[in-house]
Every structure is written in structure tokens, then in C-alpha cells.
Amino acid sequence: MGKQTLTIKDVAEACGVSIATVSRVLNDNYYVTPDIKNRVLDTVNRMGYIPNSAARGLKLNTSGIIGYITSDISNGYHIMIAKAVEDMIRPANYNLVVCSTGNNAEAERQYLKLLVGKNVDALVLNTCGENDKFILKLNQTLPMVLVNRRLNTPGFHGDFADCNNVLGMYLLTRELIDHGHRRIYLIEGPERLSNTAERLEGFSKAMEEIGMTEINSYPYRYHGDYSLESGIDAIRKLASFSEPPTAILATNNTMTIGALKALKQLNLRIPEEISIAGFNGIDHLELMETRPTVADYDPYKIGKAAGKAILERIKDNSIDNREYIFSPSLIRGNAVASV
């Protein structure tokens, strides 16, 4: 004989209340006296009853799920954003489903289709920058908040949360300039991404102050993809310069770590032979023997803002577009020397 499936009716009969009362307790949408509520919850736990969320979703036109698509969940920065979003939405009875694309456009598109197919109530998106048209189509009906990266195509309706990329890169570049550096090797992310453009803007602004006005002809640039391998490969190309750079400026934490790894392999002494700074904080930086100067900011605050915004959009998606931009702070290490 097959295992009998428990129903809400079984729970109601077991604790001596109506089906409607059990439903109110489980959905937490109407007042129920504390003693009855506790009795229902105790019975649910004792019997092992699992509510049919799919059926409830059809009735309420909601799944209770919010999707978060990120470019790289292995990066502690994105993990912290996910945690903050989850901390904000769980008290409102929403669950977070996290998908990591590896900055791959096809993977992002497949995850978008998957989450829409799961009838998610909203989406937090750290886009790879190559699916704008598809995202805008979904955005017509799906509440969205973007984190870190904007769409390059106009028409998005929703919110945006990030740090001040321009200011952070300006502060880092100015720090190197103030230590006498002029040949600063810039390790960049993909040109298609908005945060790459904003970080380049901050770098250019500082360099213009010392007379370097033509960024397109600036020779000390490496176009990477925000990966560890990009940081490593950029350092391998140091030998190609007739006049080697005196400082390295990586535009995210993963590439900074890659650069440090490659510099160690080449036995280049930091900061005696070359200085290094990087955008984004590095986990447990204070424990590192070589500590790059970084432009740090709190990803938890960004995720918290995104979580709060997405809940508000679920309630009313007619809200005008909003932005939540957080200023970074400069943390000086021991990897920048004067020249």
C-alpha cells in the first residue's frame, strides 16, 4: 500500500480547528490567537505536513521565490550580497534562488528562462552585459533590481544598487600618483560592462590631473574579464613593455589576487620593485603578508538595499527608478612605495 499524502484537512482535524484557520496560520495573512497558532504549528511539525506551495502560488498568483542571478558566486563579494538580500526577504516569507553565470551570456539567458518558468515574483540581477533585449522584455512584467552593472540599452524599469566606481578608482589612482607613480598598469574588466566604464572614468579623471588626457593611447592597459586568470595573464605581459610600469592597479579583487600570485611566481618584490593596488576589498586582508591598498565598500549594504528595493517593487512596480550608490573608503596596505 502506498504512503498516504497528508492534507491540510488532516492537520485541521488533528488539532480541532477549521481548514481556513490552518491556512491562515501557514500563510500568516490573518490574525489567529497565539494559542491556536502554536497548536497548529506544533501539529504541522509533529505530523510532518508540508504545505503545497505550488498550489498556494496559483491561488495567490505568487511563488514566494525571488531569483538572484550573479556573475560569479565564488567571489566573496557576491556571496555577501546574496546573504544580505536573503536576510531582507526571508522575514517577508520569500525564498532566494541563486544562479551563477560565470559571466557567460548563454548561461545567463538559460537561468533567466528557468526562473521565469518557476514563476519567480522578482529578480535581482548582476548581468553579464550581453542579454539586454531579453532582460528588457522580461522587465515589462517582472520586478527587477540590478546590482553592480547597468544595462547598456535604455528602457529598464527598476532599481540599481552599487558602490561609487568612479570615486573608488579616482582615490586609488590618486594614491599611486601621490607616491610618484606615472606608469600605472591598469588591469581592466570587459569593456561592455558599465562598471568597467565607470572605473576607467575614475582612473582617467585622476590621470588627467597630471596631464594624461588621451586614455585611448595610454599604453599601460590590459583588458581582462574580472577573473583570477586575467590578473595572472596581465602580469605575464609585463616583459613586453620597454619601460616597465612602476605600479599595478587591478579593477576588481579577483584580478588583484591573480596579479599577486603571478608577481610571486616571478619573484618580483612588492613594493620594492613594483607597487600594487586594487578595487574592491579582499577577504581577511589584514592577515596577508602583502597587503595591497584597496578601495573598500560593504557589499552587505548594497545587498540590503537591493533586498529592500525588490520587496517594495513586488508590492508596487510602478515606483520610479531609484539608485542606491555607496561611497568606498581607501584602506592603505604595505604594497605601495614612493618612486
Protein backbone atom coordinates (compact mmCIF):
# COMPACT_ATOMS: atom_id res chain seq x y z
CA MET A 1 0.00 0.00 0.00
CA GLY A 2 1.41 3.43 -0.98
CA LYS A 3 2.21 6.11 1.52
CA GLN A 4 -0.82 8.30 2.21
CA THR A 5 -0.28 12.01 1.49
CA LEU A 6 -1.10 14.34 4.35
CA THR A 7 -3.54 17.12 3.56
CA ILE A 8 -4.45 20.37 5.21
CA LYS A 9 -7.73 18.70 6.19
CA ASP A 10 -5.78 16.08 8.20
CA VAL A 11 -3.96 18.83 10.07
CA ALA A 12 -7.21 20.69 10.79
CA GLU A 13 -8.88 17.55 12.17
CA ALA A 14 -5.84 16.63 14.28
CA CYS A 15 -5.76 19.96 16.09
CA GLY A 16 -9.54 20.55 16.16
CA VAL A 17 -9.76 23.71 14.03
CA SER A 18 -11.12 24.58 10.60
CA ILE A 19 -9.18 24.24 7.33
CA ALA A 20 -9.40 28.04 6.98
CA THR A 21 -7.68 28.51 10.35
CA VAL A 22 -4.80 26.21 9.38
CA SER A 23 -4.46 28.10 6.09
CA ARG A 24 -4.33 31.43 7.90
CA VAL A 25 -1.60 30.19 10.22
CA LEU A 26 0.52 28.78 7.38
CA ASN A 27 0.14 31.87 5.18
CA ASP A 28 0.40 34.27 8.14
CA ASN A 29 -2.06 36.61 6.44
CA TYR A 30 -4.82 36.90 9.07
CA TYR A 31 -4.80 37.21 12.84
CA VAL A 32 -5.04 33.95 14.77
CA THR A 33 -4.84 33.83 18.57
CA PRO A 34 -1.38 32.78 19.80
CA ASP A 35 -2.58 29.58 21.50
CA ILE A 36 -4.35 28.32 18.38
CA LYS A 37 -1.43 29.38 16.17
CA ASN A 38 1.02 27.44 18.35
CA ARG A 39 -1.27 24.42 18.39
CA VAL A 40 -1.48 24.39 14.59
CA LEU A 41 2.28 24.81 14.14
CA ASP A 42 3.02 22.07 16.67
CA THR A 43 0.64 19.75 14.84
CA VAL A 44 2.19 20.60 11.47
CA ASN A 45 5.67 19.79 12.82
CA ARG A 46 4.55 16.62 14.59
CA MET A 47 2.73 15.25 11.55
CA GLY A 48 5.43 16.36 9.09
CA TYR A 49 2.95 18.21 6.92
CA ILE A 50 4.50 20.16 4.04
CA PRO A 51 2.25 22.86 2.51
CA ASN A 52 1.71 22.67 -1.23
CA SER A 53 3.45 25.91 -2.16
CA ALA A 54 2.81 25.42 -5.87
CA ALA A 55 -0.94 25.18 -5.34
CA ARG A 56 -0.86 28.14 -2.95
CA GLY A 57 1.12 30.09 -5.52
CA LEU A 58 -1.52 29.51 -8.19
CA LYS A 59 -4.21 30.74 -5.83
CA LEU A 60 -2.31 33.82 -4.69
CA ASN A 61 -0.54 34.45 -8.04
CA THR A 62 2.81 34.25 -6.30
CA SER A 63 5.56 31.67 -5.91
CA GLY A 64 7.24 33.14 -2.85
CA ILE A 65 10.56 32.98 -4.76
CA ILE A 66 12.95 35.78 -5.70
CA GLY A 67 15.77 34.97 -8.12
CA TYR A 68 19.32 36.30 -7.85
CA ILE A 69 21.49 35.85 -10.93
CA THR A 70 25.12 36.74 -10.31
CA SER A 71 28.23 36.69 -12.45
CA ASP A 72 30.46 34.81 -10.00
CA ILE A 73 29.22 33.29 -6.75
CA SER A 74 32.77 32.12 -5.93
CA ASN A 75 33.65 35.77 -5.26
CA GLY A 76 33.05 36.58 -1.60
CA TYR A 77 31.65 39.96 -2.65
CA HIS A 78 28.71 38.31 -4.42
CA ILE A 79 28.19 35.81 -1.60
CA MET A 80 27.77 38.71 0.82
CA ILE A 81 25.26 40.42 -1.48
CA ALA A 82 23.25 37.20 -1.70
CA LYS A 83 23.27 36.86 2.10
CA ALA A 84 22.08 40.43 2.57
CA VAL A 85 19.26 40.04 0.03
CA GLU A 86 18.18 36.81 1.72
CA ASP A 87 18.29 38.42 5.16
CA MET A 88 15.96 41.14 3.90
CA ILE A 89 13.41 38.96 2.10
CA ARG A 90 13.05 35.99 4.46
CA PRO A 91 11.08 37.90 7.13
CA ALA A 92 8.61 38.68 4.33
CA ASN A 93 8.26 34.93 3.62
CA TYR A 94 10.25 34.91 0.38
CA ASN A 95 12.94 32.41 -0.56
CA LEU A 96 16.04 33.24 -2.61
CA VAL A 97 17.22 31.11 -5.52
CA VAL A 98 20.81 31.92 -6.53
CA CYS A 99 22.25 31.23 -10.00
CA SER A 100 25.86 31.90 -11.04
CA THR A 101 26.63 32.50 -14.72
CA GLY A 102 30.42 32.73 -14.77
CA ASN A 103 29.93 35.87 -16.90
CA ASN A 104 28.58 33.63 -19.68
CA ALA A 105 25.78 35.12 -21.77
CA GLU A 106 24.18 31.79 -22.69
CA ALA A 107 24.22 30.61 -19.07
CA GLU A 108 22.58 33.87 -18.01
CA ARG A 109 19.89 33.51 -20.65
CA GLN A 110 19.15 29.91 -19.59
CA TYR A 111 18.89 30.93 -15.93
CA LEU A 112 16.55 33.78 -16.85
CA LYS A 113 14.29 31.32 -18.67
CA LEU A 114 14.49 28.85 -15.79
CA LEU A 115 13.49 31.40 -13.16
CA VAL A 116 10.67 32.84 -15.25
CA GLY A 117 9.47 29.28 -15.78
CA LYS A 118 9.44 28.86 -11.99
CA ASN A 119 7.16 31.91 -11.78
CA VAL A 120 9.55 33.92 -9.60
CA ASP A 121 8.00 37.01 -8.08
CA ALA A 122 11.00 39.23 -8.80
CA LEU A 123 14.63 39.23 -9.90
CA VAL A 124 17.89 40.69 -8.60
CA LEU A 125 20.41 40.68 -11.44
CA ASN A 126 24.17 41.13 -11.78
CA THR A 127 24.20 40.90 -15.56
CA CYS A 128 26.98 39.77 -17.89
CA GLY A 129 26.04 42.65 -20.23
CA GLU A 130 25.00 40.68 -23.32
CA ASN A 131 21.30 39.94 -22.86
CA ASP A 132 19.84 43.43 -22.65
CA LYS A 133 16.97 42.90 -25.11
CA PHE A 134 15.83 39.69 -23.44
CA ILE A 135 16.09 41.25 -19.97
CA LEU A 136 14.10 44.31 -21.08
CA LYS A 137 11.38 42.03 -22.46
CA LEU A 138 11.09 40.22 -19.11
CA ASN A 139 11.30 43.55 -17.31
CA GLN A 140 7.95 44.59 -18.82
CA THR A 141 6.15 42.38 -16.29
CA LEU A 142 8.80 41.22 -13.79
CA PRO A 143 10.00 43.48 -10.94
CA MET A 144 13.80 43.83 -11.11
CA VAL A 145 16.74 45.33 -9.28
CA LEU A 146 20.18 45.50 -10.91
CA VAL A 147 23.35 45.26 -8.81
CA ASN A 148 26.85 46.39 -9.87
CA ARG A 149 26.11 46.54 -13.58
CA ARG A 150 23.63 48.61 -15.52
CA LEU A 151 22.06 47.66 -18.83
CA ASN A 152 23.64 49.31 -21.86
CA THR A 153 20.26 49.59 -23.58
CA PRO A 154 17.76 52.23 -22.42
CA GLY A 155 14.27 51.34 -21.25
CA PHE A 156 14.92 49.49 -17.98
CA HIS A 157 12.33 49.98 -15.24
CA GLY A 158 13.54 49.16 -11.76
CA ASP A 159 16.28 49.98 -9.28
CA PHE A 160 20.07 49.90 -9.20
CA ALA A 161 22.46 49.31 -6.28
CA ASP A 162 26.24 49.60 -6.37
CA CYS A 163 29.26 51.40 -4.98
CA ASN A 164 30.64 54.62 -6.45
CA ASN A 165 33.01 53.11 -9.03
CA VAL A 166 34.25 56.46 -10.32
CA LEU A 167 35.19 57.74 -6.87
CA GLY A 168 36.85 54.49 -5.82
CA MET A 169 39.11 54.35 -8.85
CA TYR A 170 39.89 58.04 -8.61
CA LEU A 171 41.04 57.61 -5.00
CA LEU A 172 43.22 54.60 -5.83
CA THR A 173 44.81 56.28 -8.85
CA ARG A 174 45.40 59.49 -6.92
CA GLU A 175 47.05 57.48 -4.13
CA LEU A 176 49.53 55.98 -6.61
CA ILE A 177 50.13 59.37 -8.25
CA ASP A 178 50.81 60.97 -4.88
CA HIS A 179 53.53 58.32 -4.35
CA GLY A 180 55.19 59.45 -7.58
CA HIS A 181 53.83 56.76 -9.94
CA ARG A 182 53.10 57.74 -13.53
CA ARG A 183 53.43 54.41 -15.36
CA ILE A 184 50.43 52.72 -13.75
CA TYR A 185 49.45 49.37 -15.28
CA LEU A 186 45.64 49.25 -15.38
CA ILE A 187 44.11 45.75 -15.35
CA GLU A 188 40.52 46.21 -16.55
CA GLY A 189 37.34 44.18 -16.92
CA PRO A 190 35.26 43.64 -20.09
CA GLU A 191 34.61 46.87 -21.97
CA ARG A 192 30.91 46.03 -22.45
CA LEU A 193 30.19 46.32 -18.70
CA SER A 194 29.05 49.57 -17.12
CA ASN A 195 31.22 49.15 -14.02
CA THR A 196 34.30 48.76 -16.24
CA ALA A 197 33.49 52.06 -17.95
CA GLU A 198 32.87 53.80 -14.62
CA ARG A 199 36.15 52.57 -13.13
CA LEU A 200 38.02 53.69 -16.25
CA GLU A 201 36.36 57.09 -15.85
CA GLY A 202 37.71 57.40 -12.31
CA PHE A 203 41.20 56.38 -13.43
CA SER A 204 41.11 58.82 -16.36
CA LYS A 205 39.93 61.67 -14.15
CA ALA A 206 42.95 61.29 -11.85
CA MET A 207 45.40 60.85 -14.73
CA GLU A 208 44.08 63.97 -16.46
CA GLU A 209 45.15 65.95 -13.40
CA ILE A 210 48.78 65.13 -14.22
CA GLY A 211 48.42 65.79 -17.95
CA MET A 212 47.47 62.36 -19.33
CA THR A 213 44.40 63.31 -21.36
CA GLU A 214 44.34 60.65 -24.09
CA ILE A 215 43.26 57.44 -22.38
CA ASN A 216 42.84 55.60 -25.70
CA SER A 217 46.55 55.95 -26.43
CA TYR A 218 47.68 55.17 -22.88
CA PRO A 219 49.96 52.11 -23.28
CA TYR A 220 49.67 50.54 -19.81
CA ARG A 221 46.28 48.86 -20.13
CA TYR A 222 45.21 45.22 -20.04
CA HIS A 223 41.67 44.16 -20.94
CA GLY A 224 40.67 41.20 -18.80
CA ASP A 225 37.42 39.65 -17.62
CA TYR A 226 37.50 40.10 -13.83
CA SER A 227 38.83 36.57 -13.36
CA LEU A 228 41.85 35.24 -11.48
CA GLU A 229 43.36 34.17 -14.82
CA SER A 230 43.12 37.75 -16.11
CA GLY A 231 45.22 39.01 -13.22
CA ILE A 232 47.81 36.30 -13.82
CA ASP A 233 47.95 36.85 -17.59
CA ALA A 234 48.28 40.62 -17.19
CA ILE A 235 51.44 40.17 -15.11
CA ARG A 236 52.90 37.74 -17.64
CA LYS A 237 52.77 40.57 -20.17
CA LEU A 238 54.94 42.88 -18.06
CA ALA A 239 58.02 41.82 -20.03
CA SER A 240 56.52 43.29 -23.21
CA PHE A 241 56.97 46.88 -22.03
CA SER A 242 60.17 48.68 -22.99
CA GLU A 243 59.62 50.91 -19.96
CA PRO A 244 58.01 48.69 -17.30
CA PRO A 245 55.24 50.11 -15.11
CA THR A 246 56.09 51.08 -11.55
CA ALA A 247 52.64 50.26 -10.18
CA ILE A 248 49.72 47.91 -10.89
CA LEU A 249 46.09 48.88 -10.44
CA ALA A 250 43.62 45.99 -10.78
CA THR A 251 39.94 46.87 -11.11
CA ASN A 252 38.49 44.06 -9.01
CA ASN A 253 39.58 41.90 -6.09
CA THR A 254 39.85 38.63 -8.02
CA MET A 255 42.24 40.11 -10.58
CA THR A 256 44.23 41.72 -7.74
CA ILE A 257 44.74 38.28 -6.20
CA GLY A 258 45.70 36.86 -9.60
CA ALA A 259 48.25 39.62 -10.06
CA LEU A 260 49.73 38.98 -6.61
CA LYS A 261 50.02 35.29 -7.38
CA ALA A 262 51.82 35.93 -10.67
CA LEU A 263 54.16 38.51 -9.14
CA LYS A 264 55.19 35.99 -6.51
CA GLN A 265 55.86 33.38 -9.20
CA LEU A 266 58.11 35.90 -10.99
CA ASN A 267 59.92 36.71 -7.72
CA LEU A 268 59.12 40.41 -8.11
CA ARG A 269 59.38 42.10 -4.73
CA ILE A 270 56.43 44.20 -3.57
CA PRO A 271 56.68 47.15 -3.12
CA GLU A 272 60.48 47.38 -3.69
CA GLU A 273 60.26 46.54 -7.40
CA ILE A 274 56.60 47.22 -8.12
CA SER A 275 53.62 48.59 -6.19
CA ILE A 276 50.07 47.23 -6.34
CA ALA A 277 46.57 48.48 -5.51
CA GLY A 278 43.14 47.11 -6.31
CA PHE A 279 39.44 47.89 -6.44
CA ASN A 280 37.11 46.01 -4.05
CA GLY A 281 38.06 44.76 -0.63
CA ILE A 282 39.87 41.44 -0.16
CA ASP A 283 38.63 39.00 2.46
CA HIS A 284 40.91 38.82 5.51
CA LEU A 285 43.25 41.40 4.01
CA GLU A 286 44.71 42.12 7.45
CA LEU A 287 46.09 38.56 7.60
CA MET A 288 48.01 38.84 4.34
CA GLU A 289 51.76 39.40 4.34
CA THR A 290 51.48 41.58 1.23
CA ARG A 291 48.51 43.93 1.59
CA PRO A 292 47.54 45.98 -1.48
CA THR A 293 45.92 49.36 -0.98
CA VAL A 294 42.23 48.88 -1.81
CA ALA A 295 39.06 50.90 -2.34
CA ASP A 296 36.76 49.04 0.00
CA TYR A 297 33.00 49.14 0.49
CA ASP A 298 30.44 47.00 2.23
CA PRO A 299 28.68 44.59 -0.17
CA TYR A 300 26.21 43.75 2.60
CA LYS A 301 24.87 47.31 2.45
CA ILE A 302 24.45 47.01 -1.32
CA GLY A 303 22.63 43.68 -0.95
CA LYS A 304 20.46 45.04 1.83
CA ALA A 305 19.43 47.99 -0.34
CA ALA A 306 18.68 45.62 -3.23
CA GLY A 307 16.61 43.35 -0.99
CA LYS A 308 14.58 46.22 0.43
CA ALA A 309 14.01 47.66 -3.04
CA ILE A 310 12.85 44.37 -4.55
CA LEU A 311 10.27 43.87 -1.80
CA GLU A 312 8.91 47.35 -2.44
CA ARG A 313 8.77 46.65 -6.18
CA ILE A 314 6.81 43.44 -5.64
CA LYS A 315 4.20 45.49 -3.81
CA ASP A 316 4.20 48.34 -6.33
CA ASN A 317 6.23 48.08 -9.52
CA SER A 318 5.01 51.47 -10.72
CA ILE A 319 7.60 53.16 -8.45
CA ASP A 320 10.01 55.41 -10.38
CA ASN A 321 13.54 54.11 -10.93
CA ARG A 322 15.81 54.51 -7.90
CA GLU A 323 19.56 54.23 -7.31
CA TYR A 324 21.45 53.26 -4.17
CA ILE A 325 25.13 54.25 -4.51
CA PHE A 326 27.58 53.68 -1.65
CA SER A 327 30.90 55.52 -1.32
CA PRO A 328 34.06 53.42 -0.92
CA SER A 329 36.84 54.10 1.56
CA LEU A 330 40.57 53.81 0.94
CA ILE A 331 42.38 51.17 3.00
CA ARG A 332 46.14 51.53 2.79
CA GLY A 333 48.27 48.41 2.97
CA ASN A 334 52.00 47.85 2.70
CA ALA A 335 52.25 47.29 -1.07
CA VAL A 336 52.66 50.87 -2.34
CA ALA A 337 56.06 52.58 -2.23
CA SER A 338 57.15 56.03 -3.34
CA VAL A 339 59.22 56.40 -6.51
